[in-house]
N, C-alpha and C. Protein backbone atom coordinates (compact mmCIF):
# COMPACT_ATOMS: atom_id res chain seq x y z
N UNK A 1 -15.63 -16.23 11.40
CA UNK A 1 -15.48 -14.80 11.26
C UNK A 1 -14.18 -14.32 11.91
N UNK A 2 -13.89 -14.80 13.11
CA UNK A 2 -12.66 -14.40 13.81
C UNK A 2 -11.43 -14.85 13.02
N UNK A 3 -11.50 -16.06 12.46
CA UNK A 3 -10.38 -16.56 11.67
C UNK A 3 -10.17 -15.69 10.42
N UNK A 4 -11.26 -15.24 9.79
CA UNK A 4 -11.17 -14.38 8.62
C UNK A 4 -10.47 -13.07 8.97
N UNK A 5 -10.83 -12.47 10.09
CA UNK A 5 -10.20 -11.22 10.53
C UNK A 5 -8.73 -11.45 10.86
N UNK A 6 -8.42 -12.57 11.48
CA UNK A 6 -7.04 -12.89 11.82
C UNK A 6 -6.20 -13.05 10.55
N UNK A 7 -6.76 -13.72 9.53
CA UNK A 7 -6.04 -13.89 8.27
C UNK A 7 -5.83 -12.55 7.57
N UNK A 8 -6.83 -11.67 7.64
CA UNK A 8 -6.72 -10.36 7.03
C UNK A 8 -5.62 -9.55 7.70
N UNK A 9 -5.56 -9.58 9.04
CA UNK A 9 -4.52 -8.88 9.77
C UNK A 9 -3.15 -9.44 9.42
N UNK A 10 -3.05 -10.76 9.26
CA UNK A 10 -1.78 -11.39 8.93
C UNK A 10 -1.29 -10.91 7.57
N UNK A 11 -2.20 -10.73 6.61
CA UNK A 11 -1.81 -10.25 5.30
C UNK A 11 -1.19 -8.86 5.40
N UNK A 12 -1.76 -8.00 6.22
CA UNK A 12 -1.24 -6.64 6.37
C UNK A 12 0.18 -6.66 6.92
N UNK A 13 0.47 -7.56 7.82
CA UNK A 13 1.79 -7.63 8.43
C UNK A 13 2.81 -8.32 7.55
N UNK A 14 2.35 -9.05 6.55
CA UNK A 14 3.29 -9.87 5.81
C UNK A 14 3.67 -9.30 4.43
N UNK A 15 3.59 -8.00 4.29
CA UNK A 15 4.08 -7.37 3.07
C UNK A 15 5.57 -7.11 3.27
N UNK A 16 6.38 -7.59 2.32
CA UNK A 16 7.82 -7.39 2.39
C UNK A 16 8.27 -6.62 1.17
N UNK A 17 9.02 -5.56 1.41
CA UNK A 17 9.60 -4.80 0.30
C UNK A 17 11.07 -5.18 0.20
N UNK A 18 11.44 -5.63 -0.98
CA UNK A 18 12.82 -6.03 -1.27
C UNK A 18 13.40 -4.98 -2.21
N UNK A 19 14.60 -4.57 -1.94
CA UNK A 19 15.20 -3.56 -2.79
C UNK A 19 16.65 -3.85 -3.04
N UNK A 20 17.23 -3.05 -3.92
CA UNK A 20 18.61 -3.33 -4.28
C UNK A 20 19.59 -2.28 -3.80
N UNK A 21 19.14 -1.21 -3.18
CA UNK A 21 20.11 -0.19 -2.78
C UNK A 21 19.62 0.69 -1.65
N UNK A 22 20.51 1.53 -1.19
CA UNK A 22 20.20 2.45 -0.09
C UNK A 22 19.06 3.41 -0.45
N UNK A 23 19.03 3.85 -1.69
CA UNK A 23 17.99 4.80 -2.11
C UNK A 23 16.61 4.19 -1.89
N UNK A 24 16.42 2.97 -2.37
CA UNK A 24 15.13 2.30 -2.20
C UNK A 24 14.82 2.07 -0.72
N UNK A 25 15.83 1.68 0.03
CA UNK A 25 15.63 1.43 1.47
C UNK A 25 15.14 2.68 2.18
N UNK A 26 15.83 3.78 1.99
CA UNK A 26 15.43 5.01 2.68
C UNK A 26 14.11 5.55 2.15
N UNK A 27 13.91 5.49 0.84
CA UNK A 27 12.65 5.97 0.27
C UNK A 27 11.46 5.24 0.90
N UNK A 28 11.50 3.92 0.92
CA UNK A 28 10.36 3.18 1.45
C UNK A 28 10.27 3.25 2.98
N UNK A 29 11.38 3.47 3.65
CA UNK A 29 11.33 3.71 5.09
C UNK A 29 10.59 5.01 5.37
N UNK A 30 10.91 6.05 4.61
CA UNK A 30 10.24 7.34 4.78
C UNK A 30 8.78 7.29 4.35
N UNK A 31 8.49 6.57 3.29
CA UNK A 31 7.10 6.43 2.83
C UNK A 31 6.26 5.77 3.92
N UNK A 32 6.81 4.75 4.55
CA UNK A 32 6.10 4.06 5.64
C UNK A 32 5.80 5.03 6.77
N UNK A 33 6.76 5.85 7.13
CA UNK A 33 6.57 6.85 8.20
C UNK A 33 5.52 7.88 7.80
N UNK A 34 5.60 8.40 6.59
CA UNK A 34 4.72 9.47 6.14
C UNK A 34 3.28 9.03 5.94
N UNK A 35 3.08 7.80 5.46
CA UNK A 35 1.74 7.36 5.08
C UNK A 35 1.16 6.26 5.95
N UNK A 36 1.94 5.76 6.90
CA UNK A 36 1.43 4.76 7.83
C UNK A 36 1.21 3.39 7.23
N UNK A 37 1.89 3.09 6.14
CA UNK A 37 1.78 1.75 5.56
C UNK A 37 2.44 0.75 6.50
N UNK A 38 2.02 -0.50 6.36
CA UNK A 38 2.58 -1.58 7.18
C UNK A 38 3.32 -2.56 6.27
N UNK A 39 4.62 -2.61 6.40
CA UNK A 39 5.43 -3.57 5.66
C UNK A 39 6.79 -3.69 6.30
N UNK A 40 7.46 -4.75 5.92
CA UNK A 40 8.82 -5.01 6.35
C UNK A 40 9.73 -4.71 5.18
N UNK A 41 10.88 -4.16 5.48
CA UNK A 41 11.86 -3.88 4.43
C UNK A 41 13.01 -4.86 4.61
N UNK A 42 13.30 -5.64 3.54
CA UNK A 42 14.39 -6.61 3.58
C UNK A 42 15.24 -6.47 2.33
N UNK A 43 16.48 -6.73 2.31
CA UNK A 43 17.23 -6.98 3.54
C UNK A 43 17.30 -5.70 4.35
N UNK A 44 17.54 -5.86 5.64
CA UNK A 44 17.54 -4.69 6.52
C UNK A 44 18.57 -3.67 6.05
N UNK A 45 19.66 -4.13 5.54
CA UNK A 45 20.66 -3.24 4.96
C UNK A 45 20.72 -3.57 3.48
N UNK A 46 19.99 -2.78 2.71
CA UNK A 46 19.93 -3.02 1.28
C UNK A 46 21.34 -2.96 0.70
N UNK A 47 21.58 -3.75 -0.30
CA UNK A 47 22.85 -3.71 -1.00
C UNK A 47 22.56 -4.07 -2.45
N UNK A 48 23.53 -3.91 -3.28
CA UNK A 48 23.32 -4.27 -4.68
C UNK A 48 22.97 -5.75 -4.74
N UNK A 49 21.82 -6.03 -5.31
CA UNK A 49 21.30 -7.38 -5.35
C UNK A 49 21.13 -7.80 -6.80
N UNK A 50 21.63 -8.94 -7.15
CA UNK A 50 21.45 -9.45 -8.51
C UNK A 50 20.00 -9.90 -8.67
N UNK A 51 19.59 -10.04 -9.92
CA UNK A 51 18.23 -10.52 -10.17
C UNK A 51 18.05 -11.94 -9.65
N UNK A 52 19.09 -12.74 -9.68
CA UNK A 52 19.01 -14.10 -9.14
C UNK A 52 18.74 -14.05 -7.64
N UNK A 53 19.47 -13.19 -6.92
CA UNK A 53 19.24 -13.04 -5.48
C UNK A 53 17.86 -12.47 -5.21
N UNK A 54 17.42 -11.52 -6.03
CA UNK A 54 16.09 -10.93 -5.88
C UNK A 54 15.02 -12.01 -6.03
N UNK A 55 15.18 -12.89 -7.00
CA UNK A 55 14.24 -13.98 -7.22
C UNK A 55 14.15 -14.87 -5.98
N UNK A 56 15.30 -15.20 -5.38
CA UNK A 56 15.31 -16.03 -4.17
C UNK A 56 14.60 -15.32 -3.02
N UNK A 57 14.82 -14.02 -2.88
CA UNK A 57 14.20 -13.27 -1.79
C UNK A 57 12.69 -13.14 -1.99
N UNK A 58 12.26 -13.02 -3.23
CA UNK A 58 10.82 -12.98 -3.52
C UNK A 58 10.19 -14.31 -3.11
N UNK A 59 10.80 -15.41 -3.51
CA UNK A 59 10.28 -16.74 -3.18
C UNK A 59 10.20 -16.93 -1.67
N UNK A 60 11.21 -16.46 -0.97
CA UNK A 60 11.22 -16.57 0.50
C UNK A 60 10.10 -15.73 1.12
N UNK A 61 9.89 -14.53 0.61
CA UNK A 61 8.87 -13.64 1.16
C UNK A 61 7.46 -14.18 0.98
N UNK A 62 7.21 -14.87 -0.13
CA UNK A 62 5.85 -15.37 -0.37
C UNK A 62 5.65 -16.80 0.11
N UNK A 63 6.71 -17.44 0.57
CA UNK A 63 6.62 -18.84 0.98
C UNK A 63 5.65 -19.05 2.14
N UNK A 64 5.46 -18.02 2.97
CA UNK A 64 4.52 -18.16 4.09
C UNK A 64 3.19 -17.48 3.80
N UNK A 65 2.92 -17.21 2.53
CA UNK A 65 1.65 -16.61 2.14
C UNK A 65 1.66 -15.10 2.13
N UNK A 66 2.81 -14.50 2.36
CA UNK A 66 2.91 -13.05 2.37
C UNK A 66 3.01 -12.46 0.97
N UNK A 67 3.10 -11.14 0.92
CA UNK A 67 3.24 -10.41 -0.32
C UNK A 67 4.69 -9.96 -0.47
N UNK A 68 5.17 -9.89 -1.70
CA UNK A 68 6.51 -9.39 -1.97
C UNK A 68 6.43 -8.26 -2.98
N UNK A 69 7.05 -7.15 -2.64
CA UNK A 69 7.19 -6.02 -3.56
C UNK A 69 8.69 -5.88 -3.83
N UNK A 70 9.09 -6.12 -5.07
CA UNK A 70 10.50 -6.07 -5.43
C UNK A 70 10.78 -4.78 -6.21
N UNK A 71 11.67 -3.95 -5.67
CA UNK A 71 11.98 -2.65 -6.25
C UNK A 71 13.42 -2.68 -6.74
N UNK A 72 13.61 -2.47 -8.03
CA UNK A 72 14.96 -2.55 -8.58
C UNK A 72 15.06 -1.77 -9.89
N UNK A 73 16.29 -1.46 -10.27
CA UNK A 73 16.57 -0.75 -11.51
C UNK A 73 16.72 -1.76 -12.65
N UNK A 74 16.20 -1.39 -13.81
CA UNK A 74 16.24 -2.30 -14.95
C UNK A 74 17.33 -1.94 -15.96
N UNK A 75 18.11 -0.91 -15.69
CA UNK A 75 19.08 -0.45 -16.68
C UNK A 75 20.15 -1.49 -17.00
N UNK A 76 20.52 -2.33 -16.04
CA UNK A 76 21.54 -3.35 -16.29
C UNK A 76 21.04 -4.33 -17.36
N UNK A 77 19.74 -4.61 -17.35
CA UNK A 77 19.19 -5.56 -18.34
C UNK A 77 19.27 -5.01 -19.76
N UNK A 78 19.41 -3.70 -19.89
CA UNK A 78 19.59 -3.10 -21.22
C UNK A 78 21.01 -3.27 -21.75
N UNK A 79 21.95 -3.37 -20.84
CA UNK A 79 23.37 -3.44 -21.22
C UNK A 79 23.93 -4.86 -21.20
N UNK A 80 23.21 -5.78 -20.57
CA UNK A 80 23.75 -7.11 -20.36
C UNK A 80 22.71 -8.15 -20.77
N UNK A 81 23.01 -8.92 -21.78
CA UNK A 81 22.06 -9.89 -22.32
C UNK A 81 21.65 -10.96 -21.29
N UNK A 82 22.59 -11.41 -20.46
CA UNK A 82 22.28 -12.41 -19.44
C UNK A 82 21.29 -11.84 -18.42
N UNK A 83 21.49 -10.58 -18.01
CA UNK A 83 20.58 -9.94 -17.05
C UNK A 83 19.21 -9.70 -17.70
N UNK A 84 19.20 -9.39 -18.98
CA UNK A 84 17.94 -9.19 -19.70
C UNK A 84 17.12 -10.49 -19.68
N UNK A 85 17.79 -11.61 -19.90
CA UNK A 85 17.10 -12.91 -19.88
C UNK A 85 16.59 -13.23 -18.48
N UNK A 86 17.39 -12.91 -17.46
CA UNK A 86 16.94 -13.14 -16.07
C UNK A 86 15.71 -12.31 -15.75
N UNK A 87 15.72 -11.04 -16.18
CA UNK A 87 14.57 -10.17 -15.94
C UNK A 87 13.32 -10.71 -16.64
N UNK A 88 13.46 -11.12 -17.87
CA UNK A 88 12.33 -11.71 -18.60
C UNK A 88 11.82 -12.96 -17.91
N UNK A 89 12.74 -13.78 -17.41
CA UNK A 89 12.38 -15.00 -16.69
C UNK A 89 11.61 -14.68 -15.41
N UNK A 90 12.08 -13.70 -14.67
CA UNK A 90 11.40 -13.31 -13.42
C UNK A 90 10.01 -12.75 -13.73
N UNK A 91 9.91 -11.92 -14.75
CA UNK A 91 8.60 -11.36 -15.13
C UNK A 91 7.63 -12.48 -15.49
N UNK A 92 8.11 -13.45 -16.27
CA UNK A 92 7.26 -14.57 -16.67
C UNK A 92 6.86 -15.42 -15.46
N UNK A 93 7.83 -15.69 -14.60
CA UNK A 93 7.60 -16.53 -13.42
C UNK A 93 6.52 -15.96 -12.50
N UNK A 94 6.53 -14.64 -12.32
CA UNK A 94 5.63 -14.02 -11.36
C UNK A 94 4.45 -13.28 -12.00
N UNK A 95 4.30 -13.37 -13.30
CA UNK A 95 3.27 -12.62 -14.02
C UNK A 95 1.86 -12.88 -13.47
N UNK A 96 1.57 -14.09 -13.07
CA UNK A 96 0.22 -14.43 -12.62
C UNK A 96 0.11 -14.57 -11.11
N UNK A 97 1.17 -14.26 -10.41
CA UNK A 97 1.16 -14.36 -8.94
C UNK A 97 0.72 -13.03 -8.35
N UNK A 98 -0.47 -13.02 -7.77
CA UNK A 98 -1.03 -11.78 -7.23
C UNK A 98 -0.30 -11.29 -5.99
N UNK A 99 0.51 -12.14 -5.40
CA UNK A 99 1.22 -11.75 -4.17
C UNK A 99 2.63 -11.24 -4.45
N UNK A 100 2.95 -11.07 -5.73
CA UNK A 100 4.26 -10.55 -6.11
C UNK A 100 4.05 -9.33 -7.00
N UNK A 101 4.70 -8.22 -6.63
CA UNK A 101 4.64 -7.00 -7.42
C UNK A 101 6.07 -6.63 -7.79
N UNK A 102 6.35 -6.63 -9.08
CA UNK A 102 7.67 -6.23 -9.57
C UNK A 102 7.63 -4.74 -9.89
N UNK A 103 8.49 -3.99 -9.26
CA UNK A 103 8.51 -2.54 -9.41
C UNK A 103 9.86 -2.09 -9.95
N UNK A 104 10.12 -2.45 -11.19
CA UNK A 104 11.38 -2.03 -11.78
C UNK A 104 11.20 -0.68 -12.46
N UNK A 105 12.29 0.03 -12.60
CA UNK A 105 12.30 1.33 -13.25
C UNK A 105 13.45 1.37 -14.26
N UNK A 106 13.18 1.99 -15.39
CA UNK A 106 14.19 2.18 -16.42
C UNK A 106 14.45 3.67 -16.51
N UNK A 107 15.52 4.18 -16.24
CA UNK A 107 16.78 3.56 -15.99
C UNK A 107 16.96 3.17 -14.53
N UNK A 108 16.37 3.96 -13.64
CA UNK A 108 16.58 3.75 -12.21
C UNK A 108 15.41 4.34 -11.44
N UNK A 109 15.43 4.15 -10.12
CA UNK A 109 14.35 4.68 -9.28
C UNK A 109 14.30 6.21 -9.37
N UNK A 110 15.40 6.84 -9.74
CA UNK A 110 15.38 8.29 -9.89
C UNK A 110 14.41 8.73 -10.98
N UNK A 111 14.17 7.86 -11.96
CA UNK A 111 13.14 8.18 -12.96
C UNK A 111 11.77 8.26 -12.28
N UNK A 112 11.51 7.34 -11.35
CA UNK A 112 10.25 7.39 -10.58
C UNK A 112 10.14 8.73 -9.85
N UNK A 113 11.23 9.16 -9.23
CA UNK A 113 11.20 10.44 -8.52
C UNK A 113 10.97 11.59 -9.50
N UNK A 114 11.56 11.51 -10.66
CA UNK A 114 11.43 12.56 -11.67
C UNK A 114 9.97 12.72 -12.11
N UNK A 115 9.23 11.61 -12.15
CA UNK A 115 7.81 11.67 -12.55
C UNK A 115 6.97 12.53 -11.59
N UNK A 116 7.47 12.79 -10.41
CA UNK A 116 6.77 13.68 -9.48
C UNK A 116 6.80 15.13 -9.97
N UNK A 117 7.74 15.42 -10.88
CA UNK A 117 7.94 16.78 -11.35
C UNK A 117 7.72 16.96 -12.85
N UNK A 118 8.04 15.93 -13.63
CA UNK A 118 7.99 16.05 -15.08
C UNK A 118 7.13 14.96 -15.71
N UNK A 119 6.42 15.34 -16.74
CA UNK A 119 5.60 14.40 -17.50
C UNK A 119 6.42 13.95 -18.71
N UNK A 120 7.33 13.02 -18.48
CA UNK A 120 8.24 12.60 -19.54
C UNK A 120 8.54 11.11 -19.44
N UNK A 121 8.73 10.50 -20.58
CA UNK A 121 9.27 9.14 -20.62
C UNK A 121 10.37 9.08 -21.68
N UNK A 122 11.05 10.20 -21.82
CA UNK A 122 12.13 10.30 -22.81
C UNK A 122 13.30 9.40 -22.44
N UNK A 123 14.22 9.24 -23.36
CA UNK A 123 15.40 8.42 -23.15
C UNK A 123 16.40 9.12 -22.23
N UNK A 124 16.90 8.37 -21.26
CA UNK A 124 18.03 8.81 -20.43
C UNK A 124 19.14 7.81 -20.68
N UNK A 125 20.31 8.33 -21.00
CA UNK A 125 21.45 7.48 -21.35
C UNK A 125 21.75 6.46 -20.27
N UNK A 126 21.69 6.89 -19.01
CA UNK A 126 21.97 6.02 -17.88
C UNK A 126 21.40 6.65 -16.61
N UNK A 127 21.62 5.99 -15.48
CA UNK A 127 21.06 6.50 -14.23
C UNK A 127 21.67 7.85 -13.85
N UNK A 128 22.91 8.09 -14.21
CA UNK A 128 23.54 9.39 -13.92
C UNK A 128 22.81 10.52 -14.65
N UNK A 129 22.42 10.28 -15.89
CA UNK A 129 21.67 11.29 -16.65
C UNK A 129 20.31 11.54 -16.01
N UNK A 130 19.68 10.49 -15.50
CA UNK A 130 18.39 10.64 -14.82
C UNK A 130 18.56 11.44 -13.53
N UNK A 131 19.61 11.14 -12.78
CA UNK A 131 19.90 11.88 -11.55
C UNK A 131 20.16 13.35 -11.85
N UNK A 132 20.89 13.63 -12.92
CA UNK A 132 21.19 15.01 -13.30
C UNK A 132 19.89 15.77 -13.58
N UNK A 133 18.96 15.14 -14.27
CA UNK A 133 17.66 15.79 -14.55
C UNK A 133 16.88 15.99 -13.26
N UNK A 134 16.93 15.02 -12.36
CA UNK A 134 16.22 15.13 -11.09
C UNK A 134 16.75 16.29 -10.25
N UNK A 135 18.05 16.56 -10.34
CA UNK A 135 18.65 17.66 -9.56
C UNK A 135 18.14 19.04 -9.98
N UNK A 136 17.46 19.12 -11.09
CA UNK A 136 16.81 20.38 -11.48
C UNK A 136 15.65 20.68 -10.53
N UNK A 137 15.14 19.62 -9.89
CA UNK A 137 13.99 19.75 -9.00
C UNK A 137 14.37 19.55 -7.54
N UNK A 138 15.31 18.65 -7.28
CA UNK A 138 15.83 18.41 -5.92
C UNK A 138 17.33 18.70 -6.01
N UNK A 139 17.67 19.95 -5.82
CA UNK A 139 19.02 20.45 -6.09
C UNK A 139 20.11 19.68 -5.36
N UNK A 140 19.87 19.33 -4.11
CA UNK A 140 20.91 18.67 -3.31
C UNK A 140 20.81 17.14 -3.31
N UNK A 141 20.03 16.58 -4.22
CA UNK A 141 19.85 15.12 -4.28
C UNK A 141 21.18 14.42 -4.52
N UNK A 142 21.44 13.41 -3.69
CA UNK A 142 22.58 12.53 -3.92
C UNK A 142 22.32 11.19 -3.26
N UNK A 143 22.92 10.17 -3.81
CA UNK A 143 22.71 8.80 -3.33
C UNK A 143 23.69 8.48 -2.21
N UNK A 144 23.67 9.29 -1.18
CA UNK A 144 24.53 9.09 -0.02
C UNK A 144 23.67 9.14 1.23
N UNK A 145 24.09 8.37 2.23
CA UNK A 145 23.32 8.26 3.48
C UNK A 145 23.02 9.63 4.06
N UNK A 146 23.99 10.52 4.04
CA UNK A 146 23.82 11.86 4.62
C UNK A 146 22.56 12.55 4.07
N UNK A 147 22.30 12.40 2.79
CA UNK A 147 21.11 12.98 2.19
C UNK A 147 19.89 12.08 2.36
N UNK A 148 20.04 10.81 2.02
CA UNK A 148 18.91 9.89 1.97
C UNK A 148 18.23 9.66 3.31
N UNK A 149 18.97 9.71 4.41
CA UNK A 149 18.38 9.42 5.72
C UNK A 149 17.43 10.52 6.20
N UNK A 150 17.47 11.66 5.57
CA UNK A 150 16.62 12.78 5.96
C UNK A 150 15.21 12.60 5.38
N UNK A 151 14.22 12.54 6.22
CA UNK A 151 12.83 12.35 5.80
C UNK A 151 12.33 13.46 4.89
N UNK A 152 12.87 14.64 5.03
CA UNK A 152 12.36 15.82 4.32
C UNK A 152 12.34 15.66 2.80
N UNK A 153 13.34 15.02 2.23
CA UNK A 153 13.36 14.92 0.77
C UNK A 153 12.18 14.11 0.25
N UNK A 154 11.76 13.08 0.97
CA UNK A 154 10.60 12.29 0.54
C UNK A 154 9.31 13.04 0.84
N UNK A 155 9.26 13.73 1.97
CA UNK A 155 8.09 14.55 2.30
C UNK A 155 7.88 15.61 1.23
N UNK A 156 8.96 16.28 0.83
CA UNK A 156 8.87 17.29 -0.23
C UNK A 156 8.49 16.66 -1.56
N UNK A 157 9.03 15.50 -1.83
CA UNK A 157 8.74 14.78 -3.07
C UNK A 157 7.25 14.48 -3.19
N UNK A 158 6.61 14.17 -2.07
CA UNK A 158 5.21 13.76 -2.07
C UNK A 158 4.24 14.93 -1.82
N UNK A 159 4.75 16.08 -1.45
CA UNK A 159 3.90 17.23 -1.12
C UNK A 159 3.10 17.69 -2.34
N UNK A 160 2.01 18.37 -2.06
CA UNK A 160 1.18 18.99 -3.12
C UNK A 160 0.70 17.98 -4.16
N UNK A 161 0.35 16.80 -3.71
CA UNK A 161 -0.19 15.74 -4.57
C UNK A 161 0.78 15.26 -5.65
N UNK A 162 2.07 15.49 -5.44
CA UNK A 162 3.04 15.05 -6.45
C UNK A 162 3.13 13.52 -6.53
N UNK A 163 2.90 12.83 -5.41
CA UNK A 163 2.92 11.36 -5.46
C UNK A 163 1.80 10.86 -6.37
N UNK A 164 0.60 11.41 -6.20
CA UNK A 164 -0.54 11.01 -7.04
C UNK A 164 -0.26 11.33 -8.51
N UNK A 165 0.39 12.47 -8.74
CA UNK A 165 0.76 12.85 -10.11
C UNK A 165 1.72 11.83 -10.70
N UNK A 166 2.73 11.44 -9.94
CA UNK A 166 3.71 10.46 -10.42
C UNK A 166 3.03 9.12 -10.72
N UNK A 167 2.13 8.71 -9.85
CA UNK A 167 1.40 7.46 -10.06
C UNK A 167 0.62 7.53 -11.37
N UNK A 168 -0.10 8.62 -11.59
CA UNK A 168 -0.90 8.78 -12.82
C UNK A 168 -0.02 8.77 -14.06
N UNK A 169 1.11 9.47 -13.98
CA UNK A 169 2.01 9.53 -15.14
C UNK A 169 2.60 8.15 -15.45
N UNK A 170 3.05 7.45 -14.41
CA UNK A 170 3.64 6.12 -14.62
C UNK A 170 2.61 5.15 -15.20
N UNK A 171 1.38 5.23 -14.71
CA UNK A 171 0.31 4.37 -15.23
C UNK A 171 0.04 4.69 -16.70
N UNK A 172 -0.03 5.97 -17.01
CA UNK A 172 -0.34 6.39 -18.39
C UNK A 172 0.75 5.98 -19.36
N UNK A 173 2.01 6.13 -18.98
CA UNK A 173 3.12 5.75 -19.86
C UNK A 173 3.26 4.24 -19.99
N UNK A 174 3.02 3.51 -18.90
CA UNK A 174 3.28 2.07 -18.93
C UNK A 174 4.71 1.82 -19.37
N UNK A 175 4.91 0.89 -20.26
CA UNK A 175 6.25 0.60 -20.79
C UNK A 175 6.39 1.14 -22.21
N UNK A 176 5.53 2.10 -22.57
CA UNK A 176 5.57 2.69 -23.91
C UNK A 176 6.47 3.91 -23.90
N UNK A 177 7.71 3.70 -24.20
CA UNK A 177 8.67 4.79 -24.24
C UNK A 177 10.03 4.32 -23.81
N UNK A 178 10.96 5.24 -23.77
CA UNK A 178 12.34 4.92 -23.43
C UNK A 178 12.53 4.68 -21.94
N UNK A 179 11.73 5.34 -21.12
CA UNK A 179 11.82 5.20 -19.66
C UNK A 179 10.48 4.76 -19.12
N UNK A 180 10.52 4.05 -18.01
CA UNK A 180 9.29 3.63 -17.35
C UNK A 180 9.56 3.37 -15.87
N UNK A 181 8.49 3.33 -15.10
CA UNK A 181 8.60 2.93 -13.70
C UNK A 181 7.33 2.22 -13.29
N UNK A 182 7.51 1.08 -12.65
CA UNK A 182 6.38 0.32 -12.11
C UNK A 182 6.26 0.48 -10.59
N UNK A 183 6.95 1.47 -10.02
CA UNK A 183 6.89 1.69 -8.57
C UNK A 183 5.46 2.01 -8.14
N UNK A 184 4.66 2.60 -9.02
CA UNK A 184 3.26 2.90 -8.69
C UNK A 184 2.50 1.65 -8.27
N UNK A 185 2.91 0.48 -8.78
CA UNK A 185 2.22 -0.77 -8.44
C UNK A 185 2.37 -1.11 -6.96
N UNK A 186 3.46 -0.68 -6.34
CA UNK A 186 3.63 -0.88 -4.90
C UNK A 186 2.54 -0.13 -4.15
N UNK A 187 2.27 1.10 -4.56
CA UNK A 187 1.25 1.91 -3.90
C UNK A 187 -0.15 1.35 -4.13
N UNK A 188 -0.39 0.80 -5.30
CA UNK A 188 -1.69 0.17 -5.56
C UNK A 188 -1.93 -0.97 -4.58
N UNK A 189 -0.93 -1.83 -4.40
CA UNK A 189 -1.07 -2.94 -3.46
C UNK A 189 -1.18 -2.45 -2.03
N UNK A 190 -0.32 -1.54 -1.62
CA UNK A 190 -0.34 -1.05 -0.25
C UNK A 190 -1.66 -0.36 0.10
N UNK A 191 -2.20 0.40 -0.85
CA UNK A 191 -3.50 1.05 -0.61
C UNK A 191 -4.62 0.03 -0.54
N UNK A 192 -4.53 -1.00 -1.34
CA UNK A 192 -5.54 -2.07 -1.33
C UNK A 192 -5.55 -2.80 0.02
N UNK A 193 -4.37 -3.00 0.59
CA UNK A 193 -4.25 -3.74 1.84
C UNK A 193 -4.43 -2.88 3.09
N UNK A 194 -4.43 -1.57 2.91
CA UNK A 194 -4.49 -0.66 4.05
C UNK A 194 -5.81 -0.77 4.80
C-alpha cells in the first residue's frame, strides 16, 4: 500500500511540459500558479524547437516513467512538407502512449486563446492573423516578455469559466475545420493526475 502511494506521488511530480516558445512557457507557468497543478516546464528557457528536438525531449521526459505534454504550433507543417512528415511520424509514434500528450494548435497557441472568446474554427492565414483576431479580445496582447510575464493576462483569459468554454469548444471541433487546438488534452491529463 505504501509503495502504491509513493508511486502515485511520483507520477504527480513527473509531469513535464515541453514547449517551443516564450508564450507557451509563460502561459503554463501562470496556469500552474493559478490552478495549483504540479509539473515541470522544460526547457527552462523555451526557444524555438524543431519537431525533431521535441521528439527527443518527449523521449527523455518519459524515459523515467514520467508524463510528457508537448505544446507546439502546427502551422509550419502546413507550409513545409518535411515538417509535415515529421509531425505525422511523431503522432504515429506516440498515438498509443498514454504518458505522452501532444498539444499542437493550428495555426498557433493563439488560436487556443481565441477559443476562450470565440466559437470558431475558421481558417487563419497564419499566426499573425490569429493574433490579430485575438487582439479584439485582449487588446494589448503581444508575444513579448513585458506582456507575457504578467499573470493577469492568463487570469483574465481563464476568468468567468472561459477556460472550460475553450476546452469544450476545442473538444467539439476536434480536427474538423481549418483551425484546431489540442491544448485541452493537457488539462484533461493534469486534472486526472491532480
